[in-house]
Protein backbone atom coordinates (compact mmCIF):
# COMPACT_ATOMS: atom_id res chain seq x y z
CA MET A 1 71.91 80.88 108.95
CA PRO A 2 71.09 77.31 107.85
CA ILE A 3 74.26 75.53 108.91
CA VAL A 4 74.02 71.78 108.34
CA ASN A 5 72.78 70.33 111.65
CA ARG A 6 75.43 67.62 111.89
CA ILE A 7 78.20 70.15 111.25
CA ALA A 8 76.77 72.39 113.97
CA GLU A 9 77.02 69.41 116.34
CA PHE A 10 80.79 69.18 115.92
CA ALA A 11 81.50 72.91 115.67
CA ASP A 12 83.41 72.75 118.96
CA ASP A 13 85.70 70.12 117.45
CA MET A 14 86.34 72.39 114.48
CA ARG A 15 87.24 75.23 116.84
CA THR A 16 89.74 72.95 118.58
CA TRP A 17 91.30 71.88 115.27
CA ARG A 18 91.57 75.45 114.04
CA ARG A 19 93.20 76.75 117.17
CA HIS A 20 95.69 73.88 117.18
CA LEU A 21 96.63 74.71 113.59
CA HIS A 22 96.89 78.39 114.47
CA GLN A 23 99.39 77.62 117.23
CA HIS A 24 101.62 75.61 114.88
CA PRO A 25 102.06 77.62 111.65
CA GLU A 26 104.31 76.36 108.87
CA LEU A 27 105.67 78.08 105.78
CA SER A 28 105.71 77.42 102.06
CA LEU A 29 106.07 73.75 101.07
CA ASP A 30 107.18 72.77 104.58
CA CYS A 31 103.71 72.02 105.94
CA HIS A 32 104.54 68.51 107.16
CA GLN A 33 103.22 68.92 110.70
CA THR A 34 100.00 70.44 109.38
CA ALA A 35 99.66 67.65 106.83
CA ALA A 36 100.19 65.04 109.55
CA PHE A 37 97.40 66.62 111.62
CA VAL A 38 95.13 66.64 108.56
CA THR A 39 95.80 63.01 107.67
CA GLU A 40 95.24 61.92 111.28
CA ARG A 41 91.81 63.54 111.25
CA LEU A 42 90.99 62.10 107.82
CA ARG A 43 91.82 58.58 109.01
CA GLU A 44 89.57 59.10 112.02
CA PHE A 45 86.76 60.13 109.67
CA GLY A 46 87.17 57.01 107.53
CA VAL A 47 87.86 58.58 104.15
CA ASP A 48 88.54 56.04 101.41
CA GLU A 49 91.95 57.15 100.16
CA ILE A 50 94.71 59.44 101.45
CA HIS A 51 97.53 60.47 99.12
CA GLU A 52 100.41 62.29 100.80
CA GLY A 53 103.58 64.05 99.70
CA ILE A 54 102.09 65.90 96.72
CA ALA A 55 103.91 69.20 96.19
CA THR A 56 106.18 68.04 99.06
CA SER A 57 103.60 68.20 101.86
CA GLY A 58 100.22 68.41 100.12
CA VAL A 59 97.46 65.88 100.71
CA VAL A 60 94.60 64.67 98.50
CA ALA A 61 91.88 62.57 100.13
CA ILE A 62 89.13 60.77 98.25
CA ILE A 63 85.64 60.04 99.57
CA HIS A 64 83.42 57.85 97.41
CA GLY A 65 79.70 58.44 97.31
CA GLN A 66 76.94 56.08 96.23
CA GLY A 67 77.05 55.02 92.60
CA GLU A 68 78.72 56.37 89.52
CA GLY A 69 79.28 60.08 89.05
CA PRO A 70 81.87 62.80 88.57
CA VAL A 71 84.71 63.79 90.89
CA THR A 72 84.56 67.31 92.30
CA GLY A 73 87.61 68.86 93.92
CA LEU A 74 87.48 71.03 97.05
CA ARG A 75 90.67 72.89 97.93
CA ALA A 76 92.06 74.44 101.11
CA ASP A 77 95.48 76.04 101.59
CA MET A 78 97.57 75.20 104.67
CA ASP A 79 100.58 77.53 104.86
CA ALA A 80 101.17 80.54 107.09
CA LEU A 81 103.15 83.78 106.79
CA PRO A 82 106.58 84.88 108.12
CA MET A 83 105.10 87.46 110.52
CA THR A 84 105.08 88.02 114.26
CA GLU A 85 101.61 87.65 115.73
CA GLU A 86 100.10 90.46 117.82
CA THR A 87 96.62 89.08 118.58
CA GLY A 88 97.33 88.20 122.19
CA ALA A 89 94.97 85.23 121.82
CA PRO A 90 95.44 82.21 124.11
CA TRP A 91 95.86 80.15 120.92
CA ALA A 92 98.41 82.51 119.35
CA SER A 93 101.33 81.15 117.36
CA THR A 94 103.93 79.25 119.36
CA VAL A 95 106.51 79.66 116.59
CA PRO A 96 108.42 82.97 116.67
CA GLY A 97 108.16 84.94 113.44
CA ARG A 98 105.35 82.86 111.97
CA MET A 99 101.60 83.22 112.11
CA HIS A 100 98.40 82.29 110.33
CA ALA A 101 97.61 85.82 109.16
CA CYS A 102 95.55 84.87 106.11
CA GLY A 103 93.04 82.39 107.49
CA HIS A 104 94.53 79.24 106.01
CA ASP A 105 94.10 77.54 109.38
CA GLY A 106 90.38 78.28 108.99
CA HIS A 107 90.30 77.09 105.38
CA THR A 108 91.90 73.78 106.37
CA THR A 109 89.45 73.42 109.26
CA MET A 110 86.42 74.05 107.04
CA LEU A 111 87.54 71.39 104.58
CA LEU A 112 88.16 68.96 107.44
CA GLY A 113 84.64 69.64 108.70
CA ALA A 114 83.23 68.93 105.25
CA ALA A 115 85.32 65.75 105.05
CA ARG A 116 83.93 64.48 108.35
CA TYR A 117 80.34 65.04 107.26
CA LEU A 118 80.76 63.66 103.75
CA ALA A 119 82.53 60.53 105.02
CA GLU A 120 79.72 59.92 107.52
CA THR A 121 76.76 60.51 105.21
CA ARG A 122 77.89 59.88 101.62
CA ASN A 123 74.71 61.48 100.32
CA PHE A 124 76.14 61.99 96.85
CA THR A 125 77.11 60.10 93.71
CA GLY A 126 80.62 59.91 92.32
CA SER A 127 83.47 61.07 94.53
CA VAL A 128 84.92 64.14 96.17
CA ALA A 129 88.63 64.98 96.12
CA LEU A 130 89.75 66.99 99.16
CA ILE A 131 92.85 69.00 98.24
CA PHE A 132 95.00 70.28 101.12
CA GLN A 133 97.60 72.50 99.50
CA PRO A 134 100.87 74.04 100.78
CA ALA A 135 102.70 77.16 99.60
CA GLU A 136 99.88 79.44 98.47
CA GLU A 137 101.71 82.42 99.94
CA THR A 138 105.06 81.76 98.27
CA ILE A 139 105.94 79.72 95.21
CA GLY A 140 102.50 78.49 94.19
CA GLY A 141 101.76 75.09 95.66
CA GLY A 142 98.62 75.05 93.54
CA ARG A 143 100.76 75.18 90.42
CA ILE A 144 102.96 72.35 91.68
CA MET A 145 100.01 70.14 92.54
CA VAL A 146 98.56 70.69 89.06
CA GLU A 147 101.94 70.00 87.45
CA GLU A 148 102.19 66.80 89.47
CA GLY A 149 98.97 65.69 87.81
CA ILE A 150 96.29 65.73 90.50
CA MET A 151 93.50 66.65 88.08
CA ASP A 152 94.08 63.66 85.79
CA ARG A 153 95.29 61.31 88.52
CA PHE A 154 92.09 61.67 90.51
CA GLY A 155 89.74 62.36 87.60
CA ILE A 156 88.69 65.77 88.92
CA SER A 157 86.14 67.44 86.63
CA GLU A 158 85.46 70.66 88.58
CA VAL A 159 87.20 72.41 91.46
CA TYR A 160 86.04 74.90 94.11
CA ALA A 161 87.63 76.93 96.91
CA LEU A 162 86.83 79.73 99.32
CA HIS A 163 88.74 82.38 101.25
CA THR A 164 87.79 84.09 104.47
CA ASP A 165 87.05 87.82 104.18
CA PRO A 166 87.55 90.01 107.28
CA GLY A 167 86.18 92.97 105.35
CA ALA A 168 82.65 91.54 105.16
CA ASP A 169 80.00 90.64 107.72
CA LEU A 170 79.85 87.09 109.03
CA GLY A 171 78.15 84.82 106.53
CA VAL A 172 78.27 86.99 103.42
CA ILE A 173 79.46 85.04 100.37
CA ALA A 174 80.77 87.08 97.45
CA THR A 175 82.17 86.21 94.05
CA ARG A 176 81.92 87.06 90.37
CA PRO A 177 82.25 85.25 87.02
CA GLY A 178 85.37 86.01 85.01
CA PRO A 179 88.47 87.73 86.44
CA LEU A 180 88.29 87.84 90.23
CA MET A 181 91.94 88.42 91.12
CA ALA A 182 94.92 89.64 89.17
CA ALA A 183 98.01 88.08 87.70
CA VAL A 184 101.10 88.94 89.72
CA ASP A 185 104.56 89.58 88.34
CA ASP A 186 107.57 90.67 90.40
CA PHE A 187 110.70 92.46 89.31
CA GLU A 188 114.15 93.13 90.73
CA LEU A 189 116.56 95.61 89.18
CA ARG A 190 120.19 96.34 89.98
CA LEU A 191 121.77 99.46 88.50
CA THR A 192 125.57 99.57 88.53
CA GLY A 193 127.62 102.70 87.94
CA ARG A 194 130.88 103.91 89.51
CA GLY A 195 130.90 105.06 93.10
CA GLY A 196 133.07 107.65 94.72
CA HIS A 197 133.24 110.82 96.79
CA ALA A 198 130.05 112.89 96.67
CA ALA A 199 132.15 116.06 96.36
CA HIS A 200 133.41 114.85 92.97
CA PRO A 201 130.38 113.55 91.06
CA ASP A 202 132.21 114.18 87.79
CA GLN A 203 134.48 111.28 88.67
CA CYS A 204 131.56 108.92 89.27
CA VAL A 205 128.71 107.36 87.36
CA ASP A 206 125.88 107.99 89.81
CA PRO A 207 123.09 105.35 89.73
CA ILE A 208 120.68 107.38 91.87
CA PRO A 209 119.49 109.85 89.18
CA CYS A 210 118.92 106.92 86.87
CA ALA A 211 116.93 105.10 89.55
CA LEU A 212 114.76 108.17 90.05
CA ALA A 213 114.13 108.47 86.31
CA ILE A 214 113.25 104.79 86.03
CA GLY A 215 110.91 105.00 89.00
CA GLN A 216 109.02 107.96 87.55
CA ALA A 217 108.79 106.32 84.13
CA LEU A 218 107.55 102.99 85.50
CA LEU A 219 104.78 104.61 87.48
CA SER A 220 103.62 106.42 84.35
CA VAL A 221 103.05 103.21 82.38
CA PRO A 222 99.44 102.62 83.58
CA ALA A 223 98.55 106.26 82.92
CA ARG A 224 100.20 106.70 79.53
CA ASN A 225 100.53 103.26 77.91
CA LEU A 226 97.26 101.58 78.81
CA ASP A 227 93.69 101.76 77.55
CA PRO A 228 92.00 103.66 80.40
CA LEU A 229 89.19 101.11 80.48
CA LYS A 230 91.64 98.34 81.43
CA SER A 231 93.47 97.71 84.71
CA LEU A 232 97.15 97.68 85.60
CA VAL A 233 99.14 98.32 88.76
CA VAL A 234 102.88 98.96 88.74
CA SER A 235 104.21 99.40 92.28
CA LEU A 236 107.83 100.20 93.03
CA THR A 237 108.18 98.91 96.58
CA THR A 238 111.92 98.83 97.30
CA VAL A 239 114.72 101.28 96.50
CA GLN A 240 118.06 100.72 98.23
CA GLY A 241 121.28 102.62 97.54
CA GLY A 242 123.91 104.46 99.45
CA SER A 243 124.92 104.52 103.10
CA ALA A 244 126.48 107.95 103.74
CA THR A 245 125.77 111.55 102.80
CA ASN A 246 129.23 112.05 101.27
CA VAL A 247 129.41 108.85 99.22
CA ILE A 248 127.97 108.20 95.77
CA PRO A 249 127.04 104.50 95.75
CA GLU A 250 128.20 102.00 93.17
CA THR A 251 124.80 100.33 92.90
CA VAL A 252 121.11 100.88 93.49
CA TYR A 253 118.69 98.01 94.01
CA MET A 254 115.01 98.39 93.07
CA ALA A 255 112.10 95.96 93.25
CA GLY A 256 108.34 95.89 92.92
CA THR A 257 105.25 94.18 91.62
CA VAL A 258 103.01 94.36 88.55
CA ARG A 259 99.33 93.34 88.62
CA SER A 260 97.04 92.84 85.62
CA PHE A 261 94.08 90.83 84.34
CA ASP A 262 94.57 90.66 80.56
CA ALA A 263 97.35 88.81 78.75
CA ASP A 264 97.97 91.72 76.37
CA VAL A 265 98.26 94.17 79.27
CA ARG A 266 100.65 91.82 81.03
CA ASP A 267 102.81 91.60 77.90
CA MET A 268 102.77 95.36 77.43
CA ALA A 269 103.82 96.03 81.02
CA GLU A 270 106.82 93.73 80.81
CA ARG A 271 107.83 95.12 77.40
CA ARG A 272 107.62 98.73 78.55
CA MET A 273 109.57 97.97 81.71
CA ARG A 274 112.38 96.41 79.73
CA GLU A 275 112.41 99.33 77.29
CA ILE A 276 112.43 101.92 80.08
CA VAL A 277 115.20 100.22 82.02
CA ALA A 278 117.39 99.71 78.95
CA GLY A 279 116.82 103.25 77.68
CA GLN A 280 117.45 105.01 80.98
CA ALA A 281 120.48 102.90 81.77
CA ALA A 282 121.97 103.79 78.39
CA ALA A 283 121.15 107.47 78.86
CA TYR A 284 122.93 107.60 82.22
CA GLY A 285 125.84 105.35 81.23
CA LEU A 286 125.02 102.54 83.63
CA THR A 287 124.60 98.79 83.39
CA ALA A 288 121.21 97.37 84.37
CA ASP A 289 120.35 93.82 85.42
CA LEU A 290 116.56 93.32 85.35
CA ASP A 291 115.00 90.10 86.63
CA TYR A 292 111.30 90.06 85.66
CA GLN A 293 109.38 87.06 86.98
CA ARG A 294 105.88 86.10 85.86
CA ASN A 295 104.16 84.46 88.79
CA TYR A 296 100.50 83.60 89.44
CA PRO A 297 98.12 84.01 86.50
CA PRO A 298 94.83 85.84 87.02
CA THR A 299 92.16 84.00 88.99
CA VAL A 300 89.33 83.61 86.49
CA ASN A 301 86.05 82.05 87.62
CA HIS A 302 84.10 80.00 85.09
CA ALA A 303 80.64 81.43 84.45
CA ASP A 304 78.51 78.28 84.85
CA GLN A 305 80.34 77.10 87.96
CA THR A 306 80.16 80.58 89.52
CA ARG A 307 76.41 80.73 89.01
CA PHE A 308 76.14 77.29 90.56
CA ALA A 309 78.32 78.24 93.53
CA ALA A 310 76.18 81.33 94.17
CA GLU A 311 73.01 79.27 93.99
CA VAL A 312 74.39 76.82 96.54
CA ALA A 313 75.56 79.68 98.77
CA ARG A 314 72.01 81.07 98.96
CA GLY A 315 71.00 77.90 100.76
CA VAL A 316 73.70 78.37 103.37
CA VAL A 317 74.04 82.11 104.08
CA THR A 318 71.68 85.07 104.09
CA THR A 319 73.58 87.34 101.69
CA VAL A 320 75.22 86.42 98.37
CA ASP A 321 76.87 88.97 96.08
CA GLU A 322 77.49 87.60 92.57
CA ASP A 323 79.10 90.70 91.08
CA ILE A 324 81.83 92.04 93.33
CA ALA A 325 84.61 94.18 91.91
CA PRO A 326 87.78 92.34 90.89
CA SER A 327 90.77 92.64 93.20
CA MET A 328 94.40 93.32 92.37
CA GLY A 329 95.34 90.69 94.91
CA ALA A 330 96.48 87.29 93.67
CA GLU A 331 95.74 83.65 94.47
CA ASP A 332 97.38 80.45 93.25
CA PHE A 333 94.02 78.70 92.97
CA SER A 334 94.27 80.37 89.55
CA TYR A 335 96.34 77.41 88.36
CA MET A 336 93.60 74.97 89.30
CA LEU A 337 91.01 77.11 87.51
CA GLU A 338 93.21 77.06 84.42
CA ALA A 339 93.25 73.26 84.61
CA ARG A 340 89.55 72.68 85.37
CA PRO A 341 86.26 74.63 85.48
CA GLY A 342 85.38 75.95 88.89
CA ALA A 343 84.80 78.94 91.13
CA PHE A 344 86.42 80.80 94.01
CA VAL A 345 84.33 82.67 96.58
CA TYR A 346 84.91 84.88 99.61
CA LEU A 347 83.22 84.08 102.94
CA GLY A 348 82.70 86.99 105.29
CA GLN A 349 83.92 86.34 108.83
CA GLY A 350 82.97 89.69 110.40
CA VAL A 351 84.79 92.98 109.96
CA GLY A 352 88.17 93.12 111.70
CA ALA A 353 91.90 93.29 111.09
CA SER A 354 92.76 92.58 107.47
CA VAL A 355 94.56 89.51 106.24
CA HIS A 356 98.35 89.80 106.36
CA HIS A 357 98.02 91.99 109.46
CA PRO A 358 99.70 90.94 112.75
CA LYS A 359 96.38 91.27 114.61
CA PHE A 360 94.37 89.13 112.17
CA ASP A 361 92.68 86.00 113.49
CA PHE A 362 90.19 83.69 111.81
CA ASN A 363 86.67 83.83 113.28
CA ASP A 364 85.73 80.32 114.39
CA GLU A 365 82.04 81.16 113.93
CA ALA A 366 82.66 81.14 110.17
CA ALA A 367 83.99 77.57 110.07
CA PRO A 368 80.61 75.73 110.19
CA LEU A 369 79.34 78.02 107.42
CA GLY A 370 82.28 77.23 105.17
CA ALA A 371 82.02 73.51 105.85
CA SER A 372 78.27 73.60 105.13
CA TYR A 373 78.93 75.43 101.85
CA PHE A 374 81.44 72.78 100.77
CA VAL A 375 79.03 69.98 101.68
CA LYS A 376 76.13 71.54 99.80
CA LEU A 377 78.32 72.02 96.72
CA ILE A 378 78.89 68.27 96.58
CA GLU A 379 75.37 67.13 97.46
CA THR A 380 73.83 69.57 94.98
CA ARG A 381 76.28 68.91 92.15
CA GLN A 382 76.21 65.14 92.60
CA PRO A 383 72.74 64.29 94.02
CA LEU A 384 71.64 60.80 94.81
CA ARG A 385 69.25 59.38 92.25
CA GLY A 386 65.81 58.63 93.61
């Protein structure tokens, strides 16, 4: 694979960075140690500007090229997951209950590799904005960085990102124009009746039958309320109620997630959930407290930028798939794609344990490929004028 020669020369450094980051995972917005490591490397590379403390611990670095031109943003996420690692690797997490199980240590490393090369060579016009983002896994650090004005503040005209894919061979790049990942909404529901002795249900208002009816009705929404040519997932993932065989509980707690691509489908799903909960609660004589939260919007790639990203990828890897199936997973890069044109791609790292699995580990062989892809995006989009 045609990795940029200079990046291949410091691939061992990238491996060292990545394994250091893997050993020191941080959660949500609290990525201060990671950000400090990033800024230390960026200063060593000689980037022109470093802006810290965006979205609490996010960093934006600016590298100026030669002459006037646009500003292209490249984004990497930095946060880890609250999981216990089971890889057994010498560089495994040193923090109990935390691990880099989604490859964000690799994403950060790839962007650092691109930063080092771009700061050394500056074979491009305009500028590049390197966006190191916290809290992708939780509250949407991408949203917060956009709300704090990074696109206007740094004059970013387009934005690109990638994500490692342990379900694809090393070096495969895959993407698609239009919806790539789904919007994600979460719900929590508390049903309250009147508890008591299970031998005397007539003296109680039992929330469990109502919970069962609601669960069945919710799972029927995609099958009976949706155009069959559209996509919707309603998953009931938590049901908690009762603690003894001879006690009817006072309350039942339920929670789950809803995934969709289209705004009208998203609206319908929330409306039907509220109708079902209200109707069933009334039928069973209970009170219902439903908290429905709309979270990440769908990740929608822009057509022109996706074609461009695929074209660039063909110069870096041997296999490019421009028409993969959309995923019901979610990604807060969606907020950046709402703010600016751009594209999100997957980079195969070799088939292994899936992301969010305790045995997942980023493949360091993929890092020079990702860094080369980022570099070629900039040099191709903003070429020097002869």
